[in-house]
């Protein structure tokens, strides 16, 4: 087949390929990046569906505006206001089919072949694939326990003059890192100083375990004059309500939203009005705080169980920063005592022991660190986490 040249820049997801190996009976998987379906508020979603069909059946089942279902846009603006974002109106955001579509729309509207785009190292694998599909030349800024290293980021911005910078400041996938307040403000200042667009992806910010994280870049933007003009914020209900609804949103400068809306018309016309009306009714009903409280409690316990077991079973052969939220533990193999020091090799040995995780190298756009790995604690009960980490210890 005469496929488009752009497909030469991307490969099949390493994570999706890994799932082909998970059919082995009895395998314990820490590989997925999805929430636990047992924690979905099924009763609340059912009530929201019934309310949508009762109150606005025509609008719920009909075609809708590409920008999004008006009641949902209003609810999302209120949801963002509850998280410290001031002055956000319904018309300041568009609804997307998951935040994944927001990234695709950014690629379509902003990236020409050869354009420089700065991403974190490591970063969300689908972001690497998406931006490369449109021909982006990806530049990597290193990440530590406090998120992207802002001193290095400013150097890269000055050197490469990128089309935009893509960051996951809060509990990044896969790093789990939480960017400090000081670094968040520094990012906004340098964005204004250099006139560089910053894309903030925030699917995990509500999944904190203790104290709330620092405000999002969007919530902080009013403290830095001009920052709103160079900031895009992508949100999602996938990790906190249901990924099956495929409801995300994008906040950004009006001219960018207009172009993104035009491109969305070409791709799916609009996000499912049924899903949007359901999400709007759910948010309107006020059930989200209780849902988040439950999810945070469960994930916090699972994260603590996993990190304790890793220290006990793998000892100094592994290193990591205990996550303060999100769905992942990002770890480094140290090779201490002659143990395995390559994530891909370790993954194969782990599968033989009946446990799966994702090697870390694919999460790097450049210069992959092969000693890394990502473990998700979200979907495994405590006993399976304990057993799975014991198996990891044997795989070393």
Protein backbone atom coordinates (compact mmCIF):
# COMPACT_ATOMS: atom_id res chain seq x y z
CA UNK A 1 0.00 0.00 0.00
CA UNK A 2 1.26 3.51 -0.78
CA UNK A 3 1.14 4.77 2.81
CA UNK A 4 1.80 8.40 3.70
CA UNK A 5 5.42 9.29 4.33
CA UNK A 6 4.51 10.61 7.77
CA UNK A 7 3.98 7.03 8.99
CA UNK A 8 7.71 6.46 8.65
CA UNK A 9 8.20 8.64 11.74
CA UNK A 10 6.18 6.49 14.16
CA UNK A 11 6.00 2.94 15.46
CA UNK A 12 3.32 0.84 17.10
CA UNK A 13 3.04 1.58 20.82
CA UNK A 14 5.47 -0.50 22.86
CA UNK A 15 2.85 -0.67 25.58
CA UNK A 16 0.15 -1.97 23.23
CA UNK A 17 2.58 -4.57 21.95
CA UNK A 18 3.33 -5.65 25.51
CA UNK A 19 -0.34 -6.39 26.10
CA UNK A 20 -0.08 -9.22 23.58
CA UNK A 21 2.08 -11.03 26.15
CA UNK A 22 -0.41 -10.69 28.98
CA UNK A 23 -2.68 -13.58 28.03
CA UNK A 24 -0.60 -15.98 30.07
CA UNK A 25 -2.79 -17.42 32.87
CA UNK A 26 -2.12 -16.05 36.33
CA UNK A 27 -0.06 -13.08 35.20
CA UNK A 28 -0.08 -10.03 37.48
CA UNK A 29 0.07 -6.85 35.46
CA UNK A 30 1.55 -3.55 36.55
CA UNK A 31 1.75 -2.53 32.87
CA UNK A 32 -1.50 -0.69 32.26
CA UNK A 33 -1.96 3.04 32.46
CA UNK A 34 -5.66 2.98 33.17
CA UNK A 35 -7.79 3.49 36.28
CA UNK A 36 -9.42 0.67 38.23
CA UNK A 37 -12.87 -0.02 36.78
CA UNK A 38 -14.01 -1.26 40.20
CA UNK A 39 -13.77 2.36 41.39
CA UNK A 40 -16.06 3.81 38.75
CA UNK A 41 -19.16 5.46 40.22
CA UNK A 42 -21.53 3.29 38.20
CA UNK A 43 -24.61 4.37 40.16
CA UNK A 44 -23.77 8.03 39.71
CA UNK A 45 -23.12 7.59 35.99
CA UNK A 46 -26.37 5.67 35.59
CA UNK A 47 -28.25 8.50 37.29
CA UNK A 48 -26.50 11.00 35.03
CA UNK A 49 -27.50 9.04 31.93
CA UNK A 50 -31.12 8.90 33.08
CA UNK A 51 -31.12 12.61 33.88
CA UNK A 52 -29.69 13.48 30.48
CA UNK A 53 -32.31 11.39 28.67
CA UNK A 54 -35.10 12.78 30.84
CA UNK A 55 -34.18 16.46 30.80
CA UNK A 56 -32.77 16.91 27.29
CA UNK A 57 -33.37 13.76 25.20
CA UNK A 58 -33.18 15.55 21.87
CA UNK A 59 -29.89 17.29 22.55
CA UNK A 60 -28.41 14.17 24.17
CA UNK A 61 -29.06 11.97 21.14
CA UNK A 62 -28.59 14.54 18.35
CA UNK A 63 -25.59 16.00 16.56
CA UNK A 64 -23.98 18.81 18.53
CA UNK A 65 -21.68 21.78 18.28
CA UNK A 66 -18.07 20.98 17.46
CA UNK A 67 -16.89 23.21 20.33
CA UNK A 68 -18.81 21.05 22.79
CA UNK A 69 -22.18 20.56 24.48
CA UNK A 70 -22.96 23.94 26.13
CA UNK A 71 -24.08 22.50 29.51
CA UNK A 72 -20.85 20.50 29.74
CA UNK A 73 -18.68 23.47 28.85
CA UNK A 74 -20.37 25.40 31.66
CA UNK A 75 -19.83 22.55 34.13
CA UNK A 76 -16.20 22.16 33.11
CA UNK A 77 -15.60 25.89 33.60
CA UNK A 78 -17.09 25.58 37.09
CA UNK A 79 -14.98 22.46 37.76
CA UNK A 80 -11.84 24.37 36.82
CA UNK A 81 -12.92 27.31 39.00
CA UNK A 82 -13.12 24.90 41.96
CA UNK A 83 -9.43 24.18 41.33
CA UNK A 84 -8.39 27.82 41.44
CA UNK A 85 -8.74 28.87 37.81
CA UNK A 86 -10.21 32.38 37.81
CA UNK A 87 -12.25 34.01 35.09
CA UNK A 88 -12.66 30.97 32.87
CA UNK A 89 -15.87 31.10 30.84
CA UNK A 90 -17.55 28.24 28.99
CA UNK A 91 -16.46 29.75 25.67
CA UNK A 92 -12.82 29.67 26.78
CA UNK A 93 -12.62 25.91 26.32
CA UNK A 94 -13.56 23.28 23.76
CA UNK A 95 -14.55 19.70 24.51
CA UNK A 96 -12.36 16.99 22.98
CA UNK A 97 -12.71 13.24 22.62
CA UNK A 98 -10.41 12.58 25.53
CA UNK A 99 -7.35 14.72 26.15
CA UNK A 100 -5.62 12.51 23.58
CA UNK A 101 -7.57 14.30 20.86
CA UNK A 102 -6.43 17.64 22.25
CA UNK A 103 -2.84 16.56 21.64
CA UNK A 104 -3.71 15.47 18.12
CA UNK A 105 -5.38 18.81 17.44
CA UNK A 106 -2.27 20.60 18.68
CA UNK A 107 -0.20 18.54 16.26
CA UNK A 108 -2.54 19.34 13.39
CA UNK A 109 -2.77 23.06 14.08
CA UNK A 110 0.77 23.88 15.19
CA UNK A 111 3.32 21.38 13.87
CA UNK A 112 4.88 21.57 10.42
CA UNK A 113 7.53 19.01 9.39
CA UNK A 114 10.83 19.90 11.02
CA UNK A 115 9.37 22.12 13.73
CA UNK A 116 11.06 21.80 17.11
CA UNK A 117 8.87 20.73 20.04
CA UNK A 118 10.25 20.32 23.56
CA UNK A 119 8.96 17.42 25.66
CA UNK A 120 9.98 15.98 28.98
CA UNK A 121 12.34 13.03 29.21
CA UNK A 122 10.54 10.76 29.99
CA UNK A 123 7.08 11.72 28.76
CA UNK A 124 3.72 10.25 27.73
CA UNK A 125 4.44 7.74 24.97
CA UNK A 126 1.42 8.71 22.84
CA UNK A 127 2.64 12.32 22.83
CA UNK A 128 5.91 11.27 21.24
CA UNK A 129 4.05 9.28 18.60
CA UNK A 130 1.46 11.99 17.96
CA UNK A 131 3.84 14.89 17.47
CA UNK A 132 6.25 12.82 15.39
CA UNK A 133 3.35 11.80 13.15
CA UNK A 134 3.07 15.46 12.14
CA UNK A 135 6.82 15.75 11.58
CA UNK A 136 7.97 17.36 14.82
CA UNK A 137 11.65 17.27 15.73
CA UNK A 138 11.44 16.47 19.43
CA UNK A 139 13.89 17.94 21.93
CA UNK A 140 14.04 16.50 25.45
CA UNK A 141 14.27 18.38 28.74
CA UNK A 142 15.36 16.20 31.68
CA UNK A 143 13.01 15.47 34.59
CA UNK A 144 13.84 14.94 38.25
CA UNK A 145 11.67 14.51 41.35
CA UNK A 146 10.41 18.11 41.03
CA UNK A 147 9.46 17.82 37.37
CA UNK A 148 11.13 19.33 34.32
CA UNK A 149 14.44 21.00 35.13
CA UNK A 150 13.56 24.61 34.39
CA UNK A 151 17.13 25.92 34.11
CA UNK A 152 17.78 23.43 31.35
CA UNK A 153 14.36 24.12 29.83
CA UNK A 154 15.12 27.81 29.39
CA UNK A 155 18.42 26.97 27.74
CA UNK A 156 16.65 24.67 25.29
CA UNK A 157 13.97 27.26 24.53
CA UNK A 158 16.62 29.87 23.77
CA UNK A 159 18.60 27.44 21.64
CA UNK A 160 15.82 25.75 19.65
CA UNK A 161 13.00 28.33 19.62
CA UNK A 162 10.36 25.57 19.66
CA UNK A 163 6.81 25.80 18.37
CA UNK A 164 5.74 24.82 21.88
CA UNK A 165 6.77 23.02 25.06
CA UNK A 166 4.72 20.04 26.26
CA UNK A 167 4.71 19.37 30.03
CA UNK A 168 2.85 17.14 32.49
CA UNK A 169 3.57 19.14 35.67
CA UNK A 170 1.48 17.09 38.08
CA UNK A 171 2.16 13.35 38.59
CA UNK A 172 3.51 12.89 35.09
CA UNK A 173 3.14 9.74 33.05
CA UNK A 174 5.45 7.91 33.42
CA UNK A 175 7.66 9.87 35.82
CA UNK A 176 5.08 10.46 38.56
CA UNK A 177 6.95 13.71 39.25
CA UNK A 178 5.22 16.74 40.74
CA UNK A 179 6.64 20.05 39.56
CA UNK A 180 7.35 22.41 42.43
CA UNK A 181 5.54 25.72 42.79
CA UNK A 182 8.77 27.62 42.14
CA UNK A 183 9.36 25.76 38.89
CA UNK A 184 5.76 26.29 37.75
CA UNK A 185 6.13 30.03 38.15
CA UNK A 186 9.49 29.90 36.40
CA UNK A 187 7.90 28.09 33.43
CA UNK A 188 5.26 30.81 33.10
CA UNK A 189 7.84 33.61 33.33
CA UNK A 190 10.08 32.06 30.69
CA UNK A 191 7.08 31.43 28.42
CA UNK A 192 6.24 35.14 28.48
CA UNK A 193 9.88 36.19 28.22
CA UNK A 194 10.54 34.07 25.12
CA UNK A 195 7.04 34.18 23.65
CA UNK A 196 6.93 30.38 23.75
CA UNK A 197 3.67 28.44 23.93
CA UNK A 198 3.43 26.04 26.88
CA UNK A 199 1.09 23.04 26.73
CA UNK A 200 0.07 21.78 30.18
CA UNK A 201 -1.39 18.27 30.14
CA UNK A 202 -3.19 17.59 33.42
CA UNK A 203 -5.02 14.23 33.46
CA UNK A 204 -3.70 13.20 36.90
CA UNK A 205 -3.77 16.41 38.96
CA UNK A 206 -6.85 15.40 40.98
CA UNK A 207 -5.30 12.08 42.05
CA UNK A 208 -3.20 13.29 44.96
CA UNK A 209 -2.61 11.24 48.10
CA UNK A 210 -1.93 13.79 50.81
CA UNK A 211 -1.84 17.54 50.51
CA UNK A 212 -3.10 18.97 47.24
CA UNK A 213 -0.38 19.68 44.66
CA UNK A 214 0.56 23.24 43.72
CA UNK A 215 -1.98 25.00 41.49
CA UNK A 216 -1.93 24.16 37.81
CA UNK A 217 -0.08 26.43 35.42
CA UNK A 218 -3.48 27.65 34.28
CA UNK A 219 -4.48 28.56 37.83
CA UNK A 220 -1.18 30.39 38.33
CA UNK A 221 -1.21 32.18 34.99
CA UNK A 222 -2.91 35.32 36.30
CA UNK A 223 0.09 35.93 38.56
CA UNK A 224 2.34 36.34 35.52
CA UNK A 225 1.11 39.08 33.14
CA UNK A 226 0.73 37.73 29.62
CA UNK A 227 0.95 34.06 30.61
CA UNK A 228 -2.62 33.23 29.56
CA UNK A 229 -1.71 34.23 26.01
CA UNK A 230 1.05 31.60 25.78
CA UNK A 231 -0.60 28.74 27.66
CA UNK A 232 -2.71 25.75 26.63
CA UNK A 233 -4.28 23.51 29.27
CA UNK A 234 -5.56 20.01 28.49
CA UNK A 235 -7.85 18.23 30.96
CA UNK A 236 -9.65 14.90 31.08
CA UNK A 237 -12.32 13.01 32.98
CA UNK A 238 -10.81 9.66 31.98
CA UNK A 239 -8.76 9.03 35.10
CA UNK A 240 -11.30 10.40 37.60
CA UNK A 241 -14.69 9.43 36.18
CA UNK A 242 -14.54 7.03 33.22
CA UNK A 243 -12.21 6.65 30.25
CA UNK A 244 -15.07 5.10 28.30
CA UNK A 245 -16.86 8.43 28.15
CA UNK A 246 -13.90 9.88 26.20
CA UNK A 247 -14.41 13.39 27.54
CA UNK A 248 -11.55 15.84 27.66
CA UNK A 249 -11.16 19.56 27.11
CA UNK A 250 -8.69 22.17 25.98
CA UNK A 251 -8.25 25.74 27.21
CA UNK A 252 -6.15 28.11 25.15
CA UNK A 253 -5.91 31.35 23.19
CA UNK A 254 -9.04 32.05 21.16
CA UNK A 255 -7.30 31.88 17.78
CA UNK A 256 -5.85 28.45 18.60
CA UNK A 257 -9.20 27.11 19.79
CA UNK A 258 -10.78 28.33 16.55
CA UNK A 259 -8.25 26.46 14.42
CA UNK A 260 -8.54 23.36 16.63
CA UNK A 261 -12.32 23.45 16.29
CA UNK A 262 -11.99 23.62 12.52
CA UNK A 263 -9.70 20.57 12.51
CA UNK A 264 -12.01 18.72 14.88
CA UNK A 265 -14.85 19.26 12.41
CA UNK A 266 -12.86 17.27 9.88
CA UNK A 267 -12.09 14.38 12.23
CA UNK A 268 -15.18 13.59 14.30
CA UNK A 269 -17.58 16.55 13.91
CA UNK A 270 -18.01 16.61 17.68
CA UNK A 271 -17.40 14.52 20.78
CA UNK A 272 -20.32 12.20 21.53
CA UNK A 273 -23.21 14.34 22.74
CA UNK A 274 -24.49 11.38 24.75
CA UNK A 275 -21.19 11.18 26.63
CA UNK A 276 -21.02 14.95 27.05
CA UNK A 277 -24.57 15.22 28.39
CA UNK A 278 -23.84 12.36 30.80
CA UNK A 279 -20.68 14.05 32.05
CA UNK A 280 -22.50 17.37 32.41
CA UNK A 281 -25.23 15.80 34.52
CA UNK A 282 -22.67 13.99 36.65
CA UNK A 283 -20.76 17.18 37.41
CA UNK A 284 -24.01 19.06 38.01
CA UNK A 285 -25.10 16.44 40.56
CA UNK A 286 -22.08 17.23 42.74
CA UNK A 287 -20.83 13.64 43.07
CA UNK A 288 -17.28 14.30 41.93
CA UNK A 289 -15.78 15.29 45.33
CA UNK A 290 -16.90 12.03 46.98
CA UNK A 291 -15.68 10.02 44.00
CA UNK A 292 -12.28 11.68 44.10
CA UNK A 293 -11.99 11.16 47.84
CA UNK A 294 -12.55 7.43 47.45
CA UNK A 295 -10.20 7.06 44.50
CA UNK A 296 -7.42 9.00 46.24
CA UNK A 297 -7.71 6.83 49.33
CA UNK A 298 -7.52 3.56 47.41
CA UNK A 299 -4.67 4.60 45.14
CA UNK A 300 -2.69 6.04 48.04
CA UNK A 301 -2.89 2.71 49.87
CA UNK A 302 -1.85 0.77 46.78
CA UNK A 303 1.06 3.12 46.08
CA UNK A 304 2.31 2.77 49.66
CA UNK A 305 2.02 -1.01 49.48
CA UNK A 306 3.96 -1.13 46.22
CA UNK A 307 6.79 1.16 47.33
CA UNK A 308 7.18 -0.69 50.64
CA UNK A 309 7.27 -4.04 48.84
CA UNK A 310 9.78 -2.77 46.27
CA UNK A 311 12.18 -1.68 49.00
CA UNK A 312 11.75 -4.98 50.81
CA UNK A 313 11.97 -7.35 47.84
CA UNK A 314 14.40 -5.56 45.51
CA UNK A 315 16.46 -3.59 48.02
CA UNK A 316 19.30 -1.52 46.61
CA UNK A 317 18.84 -3.04 43.14
CA UNK A 318 16.12 -0.47 42.49
CA UNK A 319 15.67 3.23 43.18
CA UNK A 320 12.62 5.48 42.89
CA UNK A 321 10.86 8.53 44.28
CA UNK A 322 7.71 7.55 46.17
CA UNK A 323 4.76 8.99 44.22
CA UNK A 324 2.60 11.68 45.83
CA UNK A 325 -0.24 11.05 43.41
CA UNK A 326 -1.13 9.67 40.01
CA UNK A 327 -1.02 6.04 38.91
CA UNK A 328 2.66 5.14 38.58
CA UNK A 329 5.96 4.35 40.23
CA UNK A 330 8.88 5.32 38.00
CA UNK A 331 11.99 3.38 38.95
CA UNK A 332 15.66 2.91 38.04
CA UNK A 333 17.57 -0.37 38.14
CA UNK A 334 20.92 0.24 39.83
CA UNK A 335 22.61 -3.04 38.94
CA UNK A 336 23.74 -3.36 42.57
CA UNK A 337 25.10 -6.77 43.43
CA UNK A 338 25.32 -7.71 39.78
CA UNK A 339 21.53 -7.69 39.38
CA UNK A 340 19.74 -6.84 36.12
CA UNK A 341 20.29 -3.23 35.04
CA UNK A 342 18.27 -3.09 31.80
CA UNK A 343 14.51 -2.53 31.94
CA UNK A 344 13.76 -4.49 28.76
CA UNK A 345 15.79 -7.49 29.92
CA UNK A 346 14.14 -7.30 33.32
CA UNK A 347 10.68 -7.17 31.70
CA UNK A 348 11.29 -10.44 29.86
CA UNK A 349 12.54 -12.13 33.02
CA UNK A 350 9.54 -10.76 34.91
CA UNK A 351 7.08 -12.18 32.37
CA UNK A 352 8.67 -15.59 32.96
CA UNK A 353 7.89 -15.11 36.67
CA UNK A 354 4.29 -14.14 35.89
CA UNK A 355 4.41 -10.36 36.34
CA UNK A 356 4.41 -7.53 33.80
CA UNK A 357 5.50 -3.91 33.72
CA UNK A 358 6.58 -1.44 31.01
CA UNK A 359 10.29 -0.87 30.34
CA UNK A 360 11.16 2.82 30.51
CA UNK A 361 13.16 3.36 27.32
CA UNK A 362 10.15 3.96 24.98
CA UNK A 363 9.08 6.96 27.10
CA UNK A 364 12.14 8.92 25.97
CA UNK A 365 11.98 10.82 22.70
CA UNK A 366 15.78 10.92 22.62
CA UNK A 367 18.65 9.22 24.47
CA UNK A 368 16.57 6.52 26.21
CA UNK A 369 17.58 5.49 29.71
CA UNK A 370 17.45 1.71 29.51
CA UNK A 371 17.69 1.16 33.25
CA UNK A 372 14.20 2.59 33.83
CA UNK A 373 10.75 1.04 34.20
CA UNK A 374 7.16 2.06 34.92
CA UNK A 375 4.95 0.21 37.37
CA UNK A 376 1.25 0.98 37.74
CA UNK A 377 -0.39 0.27 41.09
CA UNK A 378 -3.85 1.45 40.03
CA UNK A 379 -5.61 -1.77 39.04
CA UNK A 380 -4.09 -4.39 41.33
CA UNK A 381 -5.52 -5.18 44.79
CA UNK A 382 -3.11 -5.13 47.71
CA UNK A 383 -2.51 -8.87 47.84
CA UNK A 384 -1.68 -8.97 44.13
CA UNK A 385 0.70 -6.03 44.54
CA UNK A 386 2.52 -7.91 47.29
CA UNK A 387 2.67 -11.11 45.26
CA UNK A 388 3.68 -9.31 42.08
CA UNK A 389 6.57 -7.50 43.70
CA UNK A 390 7.74 -10.77 45.26
CA UNK A 391 7.83 -12.22 41.74
CA UNK A 392 9.82 -9.19 40.58
CA UNK A 393 12.35 -9.90 43.29
CA UNK A 394 12.78 -13.43 41.94
CA UNK A 395 13.18 -12.10 38.40
CA UNK A 396 16.22 -10.07 39.38
